[in-house]
N, C-alpha and C. Protein backbone atom coordinates (compact mmCIF):
# COMPACT_ATOMS: atom_id res chain seq x y z
N MET A 1 337.30 84.10 200.11
CA MET A 1 337.01 85.53 200.28
C MET A 1 338.11 86.35 199.63
N ARG A 2 337.71 87.35 198.88
CA ARG A 2 338.68 88.26 198.24
C ARG A 2 338.48 89.66 198.84
N LEU A 3 339.51 90.15 199.50
CA LEU A 3 339.43 91.39 200.28
C LEU A 3 340.36 92.45 199.70
N GLY A 4 339.81 93.61 199.33
CA GLY A 4 340.62 94.72 198.85
C GLY A 4 341.11 95.56 200.00
N LEU A 5 342.39 95.91 199.98
CA LEU A 5 342.99 96.77 201.01
C LEU A 5 343.24 98.14 200.39
N TYR A 6 342.50 99.13 200.84
CA TYR A 6 342.57 100.47 200.25
C TYR A 6 343.09 101.43 201.30
N GLY A 7 344.41 101.60 201.34
CA GLY A 7 345.02 102.50 202.29
C GLY A 7 345.17 103.90 201.73
N GLY A 8 345.31 104.86 202.61
CA GLY A 8 345.50 106.24 202.18
C GLY A 8 345.36 107.19 203.35
N VAL A 9 345.76 108.42 203.13
CA VAL A 9 345.61 109.43 204.18
C VAL A 9 344.14 109.86 204.28
N PHE A 10 343.43 109.90 203.14
CA PHE A 10 342.03 110.32 203.10
C PHE A 10 341.86 111.64 203.83
N ASN A 11 342.46 112.67 203.24
CA ASN A 11 342.66 113.94 203.94
C ASN A 11 342.06 115.15 203.20
N PRO A 12 340.72 115.16 202.97
CA PRO A 12 339.72 114.21 203.41
C PRO A 12 339.37 113.22 202.29
N ILE A 13 338.58 112.21 202.63
CA ILE A 13 338.05 111.30 201.64
C ILE A 13 337.10 112.06 200.72
N HIS A 14 337.12 111.74 199.42
CA HIS A 14 336.25 112.45 198.47
C HIS A 14 335.61 111.45 197.51
N ARG A 15 334.82 111.97 196.59
CA ARG A 15 334.01 111.08 195.74
C ARG A 15 334.86 110.20 194.84
N CYS A 16 336.07 110.64 194.44
CA CYS A 16 336.90 109.81 193.57
C CYS A 16 337.46 108.61 194.33
N HIS A 17 337.74 108.76 195.62
CA HIS A 17 338.14 107.60 196.42
C HIS A 17 337.05 106.52 196.37
N LEU A 18 335.81 106.95 196.53
CA LEU A 18 334.70 106.00 196.53
C LEU A 18 334.50 105.39 195.14
N LEU A 19 334.65 106.21 194.10
CA LEU A 19 334.50 105.72 192.74
C LEU A 19 335.55 104.66 192.41
N VAL A 20 336.81 104.94 192.74
CA VAL A 20 337.89 103.99 192.48
C VAL A 20 337.63 102.68 193.21
N ALA A 21 337.27 102.77 194.48
CA ALA A 21 337.03 101.55 195.27
C ALA A 21 335.89 100.73 194.67
N ASP A 22 334.85 101.40 194.19
CA ASP A 22 333.72 100.69 193.63
C ASP A 22 334.07 100.04 192.29
N ILE A 23 334.87 100.72 191.47
CA ILE A 23 335.29 100.15 190.19
C ILE A 23 336.15 98.91 190.42
N ILE A 24 337.12 99.01 191.32
CA ILE A 24 338.00 97.87 191.58
C ILE A 24 337.21 96.71 192.16
N ARG A 25 336.31 97.01 193.06
CA ARG A 25 335.48 95.94 193.65
C ARG A 25 334.73 95.19 192.56
N GLY A 26 334.13 95.93 191.63
CA GLY A 26 333.35 95.29 190.59
C GLY A 26 334.19 94.50 189.60
N ARG A 27 335.30 95.07 189.18
CA ARG A 27 336.10 94.42 188.14
C ARG A 27 336.87 93.20 188.67
N LEU A 28 337.22 93.20 189.94
CA LEU A 28 337.96 92.07 190.50
C LEU A 28 337.07 91.12 191.28
N GLY A 29 335.80 91.46 191.43
CA GLY A 29 334.89 90.60 192.18
C GLY A 29 335.24 90.53 193.65
N LEU A 30 335.62 91.66 194.24
CA LEU A 30 335.97 91.70 195.66
C LEU A 30 334.72 91.56 196.52
N ASN A 31 334.82 90.81 197.58
CA ASN A 31 333.72 90.71 198.52
C ASN A 31 333.60 91.97 199.37
N THR A 32 334.75 92.52 199.72
CA THR A 32 334.80 93.68 200.60
C THR A 32 335.99 94.54 200.23
N VAL A 33 335.82 95.85 200.37
CA VAL A 33 336.96 96.77 200.30
C VAL A 33 337.15 97.36 201.69
N LEU A 34 338.34 97.19 202.23
CA LEU A 34 338.67 97.66 203.57
C LEU A 34 339.43 98.99 203.45
N PHE A 35 338.81 100.08 203.89
CA PHE A 35 339.44 101.40 203.88
C PHE A 35 340.34 101.51 205.12
N ILE A 36 341.61 101.88 204.90
CA ILE A 36 342.59 101.89 205.98
C ILE A 36 343.26 103.26 206.04
N PRO A 37 342.67 104.21 206.76
CA PRO A 37 343.32 105.53 206.89
C PRO A 37 344.66 105.43 207.59
N SER A 38 345.63 106.17 207.09
CA SER A 38 346.96 106.19 207.69
C SER A 38 346.92 106.90 209.03
N GLY A 39 347.71 106.38 209.95
CA GLY A 39 347.84 107.03 211.25
C GLY A 39 348.93 108.07 211.24
N ASP A 40 350.14 107.62 210.97
CA ASP A 40 351.32 108.49 210.99
C ASP A 40 352.11 108.21 209.72
N PRO A 41 351.65 108.72 208.56
CA PRO A 41 352.30 108.37 207.30
C PRO A 41 353.76 108.81 207.26
N PRO A 42 354.69 107.91 206.91
CA PRO A 42 356.11 108.21 206.98
C PRO A 42 356.58 109.31 206.04
N HIS A 43 355.85 109.54 204.92
CA HIS A 43 356.37 110.44 203.89
C HIS A 43 355.58 111.73 203.75
N LYS A 44 354.70 112.07 204.70
CA LYS A 44 353.91 113.29 204.59
C LYS A 44 354.10 114.17 205.82
N PRO A 45 354.24 115.52 205.63
CA PRO A 45 354.37 116.42 206.77
C PRO A 45 353.09 116.44 207.60
N GLN A 46 353.21 116.25 208.89
CA GLN A 46 352.04 116.13 209.74
C GLN A 46 351.21 117.40 209.81
N SER A 47 351.80 118.57 209.59
CA SER A 47 351.05 119.82 209.67
C SER A 47 349.97 119.92 208.61
N ASP A 48 350.06 119.13 207.54
CA ASP A 48 349.10 119.19 206.45
C ASP A 48 347.96 118.19 206.61
N ILE A 49 347.93 117.47 207.71
CA ILE A 49 347.00 116.35 207.82
C ILE A 49 346.01 116.57 208.96
N PHE A 50 344.72 116.35 208.66
CA PHE A 50 343.71 116.40 209.70
C PHE A 50 344.00 115.30 210.73
N PRO A 51 343.67 115.51 212.00
CA PRO A 51 343.88 114.47 213.01
C PRO A 51 343.22 113.15 212.60
N ALA A 52 343.85 112.06 212.97
CA ALA A 52 343.38 110.74 212.55
C ALA A 52 341.94 110.47 212.97
N SER A 53 341.56 110.93 214.15
CA SER A 53 340.19 110.67 214.62
C SER A 53 339.17 111.30 213.68
N HIS A 54 339.46 112.47 213.15
CA HIS A 54 338.55 113.13 212.22
C HIS A 54 338.55 112.44 210.86
N ARG A 55 339.73 112.05 210.38
CA ARG A 55 339.79 111.36 209.09
C ARG A 55 339.06 110.02 209.15
N MET A 56 339.19 109.33 210.27
CA MET A 56 338.47 108.07 210.46
C MET A 56 336.96 108.30 210.40
N GLU A 57 336.49 109.31 211.09
CA GLU A 57 335.06 109.57 211.14
C GLU A 57 334.53 109.97 209.76
N MET A 58 335.31 110.73 209.01
CA MET A 58 334.87 111.14 207.67
C MET A 58 334.79 109.93 206.74
N VAL A 59 335.75 109.00 206.86
CA VAL A 59 335.67 107.78 206.05
C VAL A 59 334.45 106.97 206.46
N ARG A 60 334.21 106.85 207.75
CA ARG A 60 333.05 106.09 208.22
C ARG A 60 331.76 106.65 207.63
N LEU A 61 331.63 107.97 207.64
CA LEU A 61 330.43 108.60 207.10
C LEU A 61 330.32 108.38 205.59
N ALA A 62 331.46 108.49 204.89
CA ALA A 62 331.46 108.38 203.43
C ALA A 62 331.07 106.99 202.95
N ILE A 63 331.50 105.95 203.66
CA ILE A 63 331.27 104.58 203.18
C ILE A 63 329.98 103.99 203.75
N GLU A 64 329.31 104.71 204.62
CA GLU A 64 328.11 104.19 205.28
C GLU A 64 327.06 103.67 204.30
N PRO A 65 326.85 104.31 203.14
CA PRO A 65 325.82 103.79 202.22
C PRO A 65 326.23 102.54 201.45
N TYR A 66 327.49 102.11 201.57
CA TYR A 66 328.01 100.98 200.78
C TYR A 66 328.19 99.76 201.68
N PRO A 67 327.35 98.75 201.55
CA PRO A 67 327.44 97.59 202.44
C PRO A 67 328.70 96.76 202.24
N TYR A 68 329.38 96.91 201.10
CA TYR A 68 330.58 96.14 200.81
C TYR A 68 331.87 96.90 201.11
N PHE A 69 331.75 98.07 201.73
CA PHE A 69 332.92 98.82 202.21
C PHE A 69 332.98 98.72 203.72
N GLN A 70 334.20 98.58 204.26
CA GLN A 70 334.40 98.56 205.70
C GLN A 70 335.56 99.47 206.07
N LEU A 71 335.60 99.86 207.33
CA LEU A 71 336.63 100.77 207.84
C LEU A 71 337.52 100.03 208.83
N SER A 72 338.83 100.27 208.74
CA SER A 72 339.78 99.66 209.68
C SER A 72 340.59 100.75 210.39
N ASP A 73 340.77 100.58 211.68
CA ASP A 73 341.60 101.51 212.45
C ASP A 73 342.99 100.94 212.72
N ILE A 74 343.37 99.95 211.93
CA ILE A 74 344.60 99.20 212.18
C ILE A 74 345.84 100.11 212.16
N GLU A 75 345.81 101.18 211.36
CA GLU A 75 346.97 102.08 211.31
C GLU A 75 346.81 103.28 212.24
N THR A 76 345.59 103.77 212.41
CA THR A 76 345.42 104.95 213.25
C THR A 76 345.66 104.66 214.72
N ARG A 77 345.48 103.40 215.14
CA ARG A 77 345.74 103.07 216.54
C ARG A 77 347.16 102.58 216.77
N ARG A 78 347.95 102.49 215.71
CA ARG A 78 349.33 102.05 215.85
C ARG A 78 350.17 103.18 216.42
N PRO A 79 350.91 102.97 217.49
CA PRO A 79 351.65 104.06 218.15
C PRO A 79 352.90 104.51 217.38
N THR A 80 353.36 103.68 216.45
CA THR A 80 354.56 104.03 215.68
C THR A 80 354.18 104.34 214.24
N LYS A 81 355.15 104.71 213.43
CA LYS A 81 354.89 104.98 212.02
C LYS A 81 354.34 103.74 211.35
N SER A 82 353.44 103.95 210.39
CA SER A 82 352.78 102.84 209.73
C SER A 82 353.47 102.50 208.41
N TYR A 83 353.72 101.22 208.22
CA TYR A 83 354.28 100.73 206.96
C TYR A 83 353.36 99.65 206.42
N SER A 84 353.24 99.61 205.10
CA SER A 84 352.28 98.70 204.47
C SER A 84 352.54 97.25 204.80
N ILE A 85 353.79 96.83 204.85
CA ILE A 85 354.09 95.44 205.13
C ILE A 85 353.57 95.03 206.51
N ASP A 86 353.68 95.93 207.49
CA ASP A 86 353.18 95.62 208.83
C ASP A 86 351.66 95.50 208.83
N THR A 87 351.01 96.39 208.08
CA THR A 87 349.56 96.36 208.00
C THR A 87 349.07 95.08 207.34
N VAL A 88 349.69 94.70 206.23
CA VAL A 88 349.28 93.49 205.52
C VAL A 88 349.46 92.26 206.40
N ARG A 89 350.58 92.18 207.09
CA ARG A 89 350.81 91.03 207.98
C ARG A 89 349.76 90.96 209.08
N GLU A 90 349.42 92.10 209.64
CA GLU A 90 348.44 92.11 210.73
C GLU A 90 347.05 91.73 210.22
N ILE A 91 346.69 92.21 209.04
CA ILE A 91 345.38 91.88 208.48
C ILE A 91 345.31 90.40 208.13
N LYS A 92 346.40 89.86 207.58
CA LYS A 92 346.42 88.43 207.24
C LYS A 92 346.13 87.57 208.47
N ALA A 93 346.61 88.02 209.62
CA ALA A 93 346.41 87.26 210.85
C ALA A 93 344.96 87.33 211.34
N LEU A 94 344.20 88.31 210.85
CA LEU A 94 342.83 88.50 211.31
C LEU A 94 341.81 87.72 210.49
N TYR A 95 342.20 87.26 209.31
CA TYR A 95 341.27 86.60 208.39
C TYR A 95 341.66 85.14 208.19
N PRO A 96 340.71 84.33 207.72
CA PRO A 96 341.01 82.92 207.49
C PRO A 96 342.16 82.74 206.51
N ALA A 97 342.85 81.62 206.61
CA ALA A 97 344.04 81.37 205.81
C ALA A 97 343.76 81.44 204.31
N GLY A 98 342.54 81.12 203.89
CA GLY A 98 342.21 81.13 202.47
C GLY A 98 341.84 82.49 201.91
N ALA A 99 341.79 83.52 202.76
CA ALA A 99 341.40 84.84 202.29
C ALA A 99 342.47 85.41 201.35
N GLN A 100 342.03 85.99 200.24
CA GLN A 100 342.94 86.60 199.27
C GLN A 100 342.96 88.10 199.50
N LEU A 101 344.12 88.64 199.81
CA LEU A 101 344.27 90.07 200.05
C LEU A 101 344.76 90.75 198.78
N VAL A 102 344.06 91.79 198.35
CA VAL A 102 344.43 92.54 197.15
C VAL A 102 344.74 93.97 197.56
N PHE A 103 346.00 94.33 197.45
CA PHE A 103 346.47 95.67 197.82
C PHE A 103 346.15 96.63 196.67
N MET A 104 345.36 97.67 196.94
CA MET A 104 344.91 98.61 195.92
C MET A 104 345.70 99.91 196.02
N LEU A 105 346.28 100.35 194.91
CA LEU A 105 347.01 101.61 194.91
C LEU A 105 347.16 102.14 193.50
N GLY A 106 347.47 103.43 193.40
CA GLY A 106 347.64 104.07 192.11
C GLY A 106 348.97 103.69 191.47
N LEU A 107 349.03 103.85 190.14
CA LEU A 107 350.24 103.51 189.40
C LEU A 107 351.43 104.33 189.89
N ASP A 108 351.22 105.58 190.24
CA ASP A 108 352.32 106.43 190.73
C ASP A 108 352.93 105.85 192.00
N ALA A 109 352.07 105.44 192.94
CA ALA A 109 352.57 104.86 194.19
C ALA A 109 353.22 103.50 193.94
N PHE A 110 352.64 102.72 193.03
CA PHE A 110 353.20 101.39 192.76
C PHE A 110 354.62 101.49 192.21
N LEU A 111 354.87 102.46 191.36
CA LEU A 111 356.21 102.62 190.79
C LEU A 111 357.24 102.96 191.86
N ASP A 112 356.79 103.56 192.97
CA ASP A 112 357.69 103.90 194.08
C ASP A 112 357.84 102.75 195.07
N LEU A 113 357.08 101.71 194.89
CA LEU A 113 357.02 100.65 195.90
C LEU A 113 358.36 99.97 196.19
N PRO A 114 359.27 99.82 195.21
CA PRO A 114 360.57 99.23 195.56
C PRO A 114 361.33 99.99 196.63
N GLY A 115 360.99 101.25 196.87
CA GLY A 115 361.64 102.03 197.92
C GLY A 115 360.94 101.97 199.25
N TRP A 116 359.82 101.23 199.33
CA TRP A 116 359.10 101.09 200.59
C TRP A 116 359.81 100.09 201.50
N LYS A 117 359.34 99.99 202.72
CA LYS A 117 359.92 99.04 203.66
C LYS A 117 359.62 97.61 203.22
N ASP A 118 360.65 96.77 203.14
CA ASP A 118 360.53 95.33 202.82
C ASP A 118 359.66 95.05 201.59
N PRO A 119 359.97 95.65 200.44
CA PRO A 119 359.13 95.40 199.27
C PRO A 119 359.08 93.94 198.85
N ASP A 120 360.18 93.21 199.02
CA ASP A 120 360.18 91.78 198.66
C ASP A 120 359.13 91.02 199.45
N ARG A 121 359.06 91.31 200.76
CA ARG A 121 358.08 90.62 201.61
C ARG A 121 356.66 91.04 201.25
N LEU A 122 356.49 92.30 200.88
CA LEU A 122 355.16 92.79 200.52
C LEU A 122 354.66 92.10 199.26
N PHE A 123 355.53 91.92 198.28
CA PHE A 123 355.14 91.24 197.04
C PHE A 123 354.85 89.76 197.26
N GLU A 124 355.37 89.20 198.33
CA GLU A 124 355.08 87.81 198.66
C GLU A 124 353.78 87.67 199.45
N ALA A 125 353.37 88.74 200.12
CA ALA A 125 352.28 88.65 201.09
C ALA A 125 350.89 88.84 200.48
N CYS A 126 350.79 89.53 199.33
CA CYS A 126 349.46 89.82 198.79
C CYS A 126 349.52 90.04 197.29
N ASP A 127 348.34 90.12 196.68
CA ASP A 127 348.20 90.48 195.28
C ASP A 127 347.98 91.99 195.19
N PHE A 128 347.97 92.51 193.96
CA PHE A 128 347.90 93.96 193.78
C PHE A 128 346.90 94.32 192.69
N ALA A 129 346.19 95.43 192.93
CA ALA A 129 345.39 96.08 191.90
C ALA A 129 345.97 97.47 191.71
N VAL A 130 346.46 97.76 190.52
CA VAL A 130 347.14 99.02 190.23
C VAL A 130 346.26 99.86 189.31
N ILE A 131 345.91 101.05 189.76
CA ILE A 131 344.96 101.90 189.07
C ILE A 131 345.70 102.99 188.29
N SER A 132 345.23 103.28 187.09
CA SER A 132 345.84 104.33 186.29
C SER A 132 345.76 105.67 187.02
N ARG A 133 346.77 106.52 186.73
CA ARG A 133 346.84 107.84 187.34
C ARG A 133 347.22 108.86 186.28
N PRO A 134 346.63 110.07 186.32
CA PRO A 134 346.99 111.10 185.34
C PRO A 134 348.49 111.39 185.37
N GLY A 135 349.09 111.45 184.19
CA GLY A 135 350.52 111.75 184.10
C GLY A 135 351.41 110.52 184.16
N TYR A 136 350.83 109.33 184.32
CA TYR A 136 351.61 108.09 184.39
C TYR A 136 351.06 107.10 183.36
N VAL A 137 351.93 106.25 182.83
CA VAL A 137 351.51 105.29 181.82
C VAL A 137 351.89 103.88 182.26
N PHE A 138 351.05 102.91 181.93
CA PHE A 138 351.34 101.53 182.28
C PHE A 138 352.58 101.01 181.58
N LYS A 139 352.95 101.62 180.46
CA LYS A 139 354.16 101.18 179.75
C LYS A 139 355.40 101.30 180.64
N SER A 140 355.33 102.19 181.65
CA SER A 140 356.46 102.34 182.57
C SER A 140 356.70 101.08 183.40
N LEU A 141 355.74 100.14 183.39
CA LEU A 141 355.93 98.88 184.12
C LEU A 141 356.80 97.88 183.36
N GLU A 142 357.16 98.23 182.12
CA GLU A 142 357.88 97.29 181.26
C GLU A 142 359.16 96.78 181.91
N LYS A 143 359.85 97.64 182.67
CA LYS A 143 361.11 97.25 183.30
C LYS A 143 360.99 97.19 184.81
N PHE A 144 359.76 97.06 185.31
CA PHE A 144 359.57 96.99 186.76
C PHE A 144 360.21 95.71 187.29
N PRO A 145 361.08 95.80 188.30
CA PRO A 145 361.91 94.64 188.69
C PRO A 145 361.15 93.43 189.21
N PHE A 146 359.95 93.61 189.76
CA PHE A 146 359.24 92.49 190.38
C PHE A 146 358.18 91.87 189.48
N LEU A 147 358.09 92.36 188.24
CA LEU A 147 356.98 91.99 187.37
C LEU A 147 357.44 91.23 186.14
N GLU A 148 356.68 90.20 185.77
CA GLU A 148 356.97 89.45 184.55
C GLU A 148 356.06 89.94 183.42
N ILE A 149 356.65 90.49 182.37
CA ILE A 149 355.89 90.99 181.22
C ILE A 149 356.25 90.15 180.00
N LYS A 150 355.34 89.30 179.56
CA LYS A 150 355.60 88.46 178.40
C LYS A 150 355.25 89.17 177.09
N ASP A 151 354.26 90.05 177.14
CA ASP A 151 353.83 90.78 175.95
C ASP A 151 353.78 92.27 176.27
N PRO A 152 354.88 93.02 176.04
CA PRO A 152 354.89 94.46 176.35
C PRO A 152 353.80 95.24 175.63
N GLY A 153 353.31 94.70 174.51
CA GLY A 153 352.27 95.40 173.78
C GLY A 153 350.99 95.61 174.57
N VAL A 154 350.74 94.73 175.54
CA VAL A 154 349.53 94.86 176.33
C VAL A 154 349.56 96.12 177.19
N LEU A 155 350.75 96.57 177.56
CA LEU A 155 350.87 97.79 178.37
C LEU A 155 350.40 99.00 177.59
N ALA A 156 350.75 99.05 176.30
CA ALA A 156 350.30 100.16 175.46
C ALA A 156 348.78 100.14 175.32
N ARG A 157 348.21 98.96 175.23
CA ARG A 157 346.75 98.87 175.11
C ARG A 157 346.07 99.35 176.39
N LEU A 158 346.69 99.07 177.52
CA LEU A 158 346.14 99.56 178.79
C LEU A 158 346.12 101.08 178.83
N ASP A 159 347.14 101.69 178.26
CA ASP A 159 347.23 103.16 178.28
C ASP A 159 346.19 103.83 177.39
N THR A 160 345.57 103.08 176.52
CA THR A 160 344.51 103.64 175.68
C THR A 160 343.14 103.52 176.35
N VAL A 161 343.10 102.87 177.52
CA VAL A 161 341.86 102.65 178.28
C VAL A 161 340.81 101.93 177.43
N THR A 162 341.26 101.01 176.57
CA THR A 162 340.33 100.23 175.75
C THR A 162 340.04 98.88 176.38
N VAL A 163 340.76 98.53 177.44
CA VAL A 163 340.48 97.31 178.18
C VAL A 163 340.18 97.68 179.62
N GLU A 164 339.40 96.87 180.30
CA GLU A 164 338.99 97.19 181.66
C GLU A 164 339.96 96.68 182.70
N ILE A 165 340.64 95.58 182.40
CA ILE A 165 341.54 94.99 183.40
C ILE A 165 342.47 94.01 182.70
N GLU A 166 343.68 93.89 183.19
CA GLU A 166 344.64 92.94 182.64
C GLU A 166 345.44 92.35 183.79
N GLU A 167 345.58 91.03 183.79
CA GLU A 167 346.31 90.37 184.87
C GLU A 167 347.74 90.05 184.45
N PHE A 168 348.69 90.33 185.35
CA PHE A 168 350.09 90.00 185.16
C PHE A 168 350.55 89.13 186.33
N ARG A 169 351.72 88.54 186.18
CA ARG A 169 352.27 87.71 187.23
C ARG A 169 353.49 88.39 187.83
N LEU A 170 353.51 88.49 189.15
CA LEU A 170 354.71 88.96 189.84
C LEU A 170 355.72 87.83 189.95
N LYS A 171 356.97 88.15 190.12
CA LYS A 171 358.00 87.13 190.21
C LYS A 171 357.87 86.29 191.47
N THR A 172 357.09 86.76 192.42
CA THR A 172 356.82 85.99 193.63
C THR A 172 355.71 84.97 193.41
N GLY A 173 355.08 85.00 192.23
CA GLY A 173 353.96 84.12 191.96
C GLY A 173 352.61 84.76 192.21
N ARG A 174 352.61 85.92 192.82
CA ARG A 174 351.38 86.65 193.09
C ARG A 174 350.87 87.32 191.80
N SER A 175 349.61 87.76 191.85
CA SER A 175 349.00 88.42 190.70
C SER A 175 349.02 89.93 190.86
N LEU A 176 349.08 90.60 189.73
CA LEU A 176 348.91 92.04 189.66
C LEU A 176 347.88 92.32 188.58
N TRP A 177 346.83 93.05 188.95
CA TRP A 177 345.83 93.47 187.97
C TRP A 177 346.03 94.95 187.67
N ALA A 178 346.23 95.27 186.40
CA ALA A 178 346.29 96.66 185.96
C ALA A 178 344.88 97.08 185.59
N VAL A 179 344.43 98.21 186.15
CA VAL A 179 343.05 98.64 185.97
C VAL A 179 343.02 100.09 185.47
N PRO A 180 342.88 100.27 184.15
CA PRO A 180 342.76 101.64 183.64
C PRO A 180 341.35 102.17 183.86
N ILE A 181 341.26 103.38 184.36
CA ILE A 181 339.96 104.02 184.56
C ILE A 181 340.04 105.45 184.01
N PRO A 182 338.91 106.01 183.61
CA PRO A 182 338.91 107.42 183.17
C PRO A 182 339.36 108.33 184.31
N PRO A 183 340.05 109.43 183.98
CA PRO A 183 340.52 110.34 185.04
C PRO A 183 339.36 110.88 185.87
N CYS A 184 339.58 110.98 187.17
CA CYS A 184 338.62 111.60 188.08
C CYS A 184 339.34 112.77 188.73
N ASN A 185 339.03 113.95 188.28
CA ASN A 185 339.85 115.12 188.63
C ASN A 185 339.42 115.79 189.92
N VAL A 186 339.55 115.04 191.00
CA VAL A 186 339.31 115.57 192.34
C VAL A 186 340.50 115.17 193.20
N SER A 187 341.01 116.08 194.00
CA SER A 187 342.11 115.75 194.90
C SER A 187 341.86 116.34 196.27
N SER A 188 342.36 115.64 197.29
CA SER A 188 342.23 116.15 198.65
C SER A 188 342.94 117.49 198.81
N LYS A 189 344.07 117.64 198.15
CA LYS A 189 344.83 118.90 198.23
C LYS A 189 344.00 120.06 197.71
N ASP A 190 343.33 119.86 196.57
CA ASP A 190 342.49 120.92 196.01
C ASP A 190 341.32 121.22 196.92
N ILE A 191 340.75 120.19 197.53
CA ILE A 191 339.63 120.40 198.44
C ILE A 191 340.07 121.24 199.64
N ARG A 192 341.24 120.91 200.20
CA ARG A 192 341.74 121.71 201.34
C ARG A 192 341.99 123.16 200.93
N TYR A 193 342.50 123.35 199.73
CA TYR A 193 342.73 124.72 199.23
C TYR A 193 341.39 125.46 199.13
N ARG A 194 340.40 124.80 198.58
CA ARG A 194 339.09 125.42 198.44
C ARG A 194 338.49 125.76 199.80
N LEU A 195 338.65 124.87 200.76
CA LEU A 195 338.13 125.14 202.09
C LEU A 195 338.83 126.35 202.72
N ASN A 196 340.14 126.39 202.57
CA ASN A 196 340.92 127.50 203.14
C ASN A 196 340.57 128.84 202.51
N HIS A 197 340.15 128.80 201.24
CA HIS A 197 339.84 130.04 200.52
C HIS A 197 338.34 130.25 200.35
N LYS A 198 337.56 129.52 201.17
CA LYS A 198 336.11 129.70 201.22
C LYS A 198 335.47 129.52 199.85
N GLN A 199 335.97 128.53 199.10
CA GLN A 199 335.40 128.20 197.81
C GLN A 199 334.52 126.97 197.93
N SER A 200 333.63 126.80 196.97
CA SER A 200 332.68 125.68 197.02
C SER A 200 333.38 124.33 196.85
N VAL A 201 332.92 123.35 197.61
CA VAL A 201 333.39 121.97 197.43
C VAL A 201 332.20 121.08 197.04
N GLU A 202 331.16 121.71 196.51
CA GLU A 202 329.98 120.98 196.10
C GLU A 202 330.33 119.94 195.03
N ASN A 203 329.80 118.75 195.18
CA ASN A 203 330.02 117.62 194.27
C ASN A 203 331.42 117.02 194.35
N LEU A 204 332.25 117.51 195.25
CA LEU A 204 333.59 116.94 195.42
C LEU A 204 333.62 115.96 196.58
N LEU A 205 332.78 116.19 197.57
CA LEU A 205 332.74 115.37 198.78
C LEU A 205 331.35 114.76 198.95
N PRO A 206 331.28 113.60 199.58
CA PRO A 206 329.95 113.12 199.99
C PRO A 206 329.31 114.16 200.91
N PRO A 207 328.01 114.39 200.80
CA PRO A 207 327.37 115.42 201.65
C PRO A 207 327.63 115.23 203.13
N SER A 208 327.68 114.00 203.59
CA SER A 208 327.91 113.76 205.02
C SER A 208 329.30 114.23 205.44
N VAL A 209 330.28 114.12 204.54
CA VAL A 209 331.63 114.58 204.84
C VAL A 209 331.70 116.10 204.83
N SER A 210 331.02 116.72 203.86
CA SER A 210 330.96 118.19 203.83
C SER A 210 330.38 118.73 205.13
N SER A 211 329.29 118.11 205.58
CA SER A 211 328.65 118.56 206.82
C SER A 211 329.57 118.38 208.02
N TYR A 212 330.29 117.26 208.05
CA TYR A 212 331.20 117.00 209.17
C TYR A 212 332.31 118.06 209.21
N ILE A 213 332.87 118.40 208.06
CA ILE A 213 333.95 119.39 208.02
C ILE A 213 333.44 120.73 208.50
N LEU A 214 332.27 121.14 208.03
CA LEU A 214 331.72 122.43 208.44
C LEU A 214 331.45 122.47 209.95
N LYS A 215 331.04 121.34 210.50
CA LYS A 215 330.68 121.32 211.92
C LYS A 215 331.88 121.16 212.83
N HIS A 216 332.88 120.36 212.42
CA HIS A 216 333.95 119.97 213.34
C HIS A 216 335.34 120.49 212.97
N LEU A 217 335.56 120.88 211.74
CA LEU A 217 336.93 121.19 211.32
C LEU A 217 337.12 122.60 210.79
N MET A 218 336.08 123.42 210.89
CA MET A 218 336.21 124.79 210.41
C MET A 218 336.26 125.75 211.59
N SER A 219 337.21 126.66 211.53
CA SER A 219 337.34 127.68 212.55
C SER A 219 337.49 129.04 211.87
N GLY A 220 336.49 129.87 211.99
CA GLY A 220 336.54 131.16 211.31
C GLY A 220 336.48 131.01 209.80
N GLY A 221 335.87 129.90 209.31
CA GLY A 221 335.72 129.71 207.87
C GLY A 221 336.87 128.94 207.24
N SER A 222 337.87 128.53 208.01
CA SER A 222 339.00 127.78 207.47
C SER A 222 339.21 126.52 208.30
N PRO A 223 339.77 125.45 207.67
CA PRO A 223 340.03 124.23 208.44
C PRO A 223 340.95 124.48 209.61
N LEU A 224 340.70 123.78 210.70
CA LEU A 224 341.58 123.87 211.89
C LEU A 224 342.97 123.40 211.57
């Protein structure tokens, strides 16, 4: 079994989250993508984040049409701050020993990963799928400390989006797949701005999520 771990604040979840998850699932042959909303993200101000119960429900509604997507409350029910290494260890204990865990994240977040909690242990615990992000280039991985690059030229080819996926080897023996995708110009921050300023969010959110926000998270026309 190959399981994708897709963590994030999902504040709120939008169509690009679903698109990225579907592309990675297809290109890596994942059996399931597990959406893992953050409970108490260590690096984000809490005043900017919808309550976890609402973010969980919005993710549940968004992924309902996709039989290969699942929702996990592993971080939202955690009473302390959530760190990726703790989540990966807990998920590994829930699945058979042969299950392959693939940690999915954007190139921008991956470049910051050496500053996360226990990065050495994280690179030993799972494989990675790294997705292109606007303003970042795969060539920046050339000197990444945990990665073995035998042909730097392949990084430049990834930045042209002429290949769909490229596998690299981490120094821990784990795999890293670089996945260039066309830009999807939707962000949760922009959606919250639009909601606060009573602007349209049509085609940015799954309809079920738009309805949920209007019903449960709007007060006087603005998010609670």
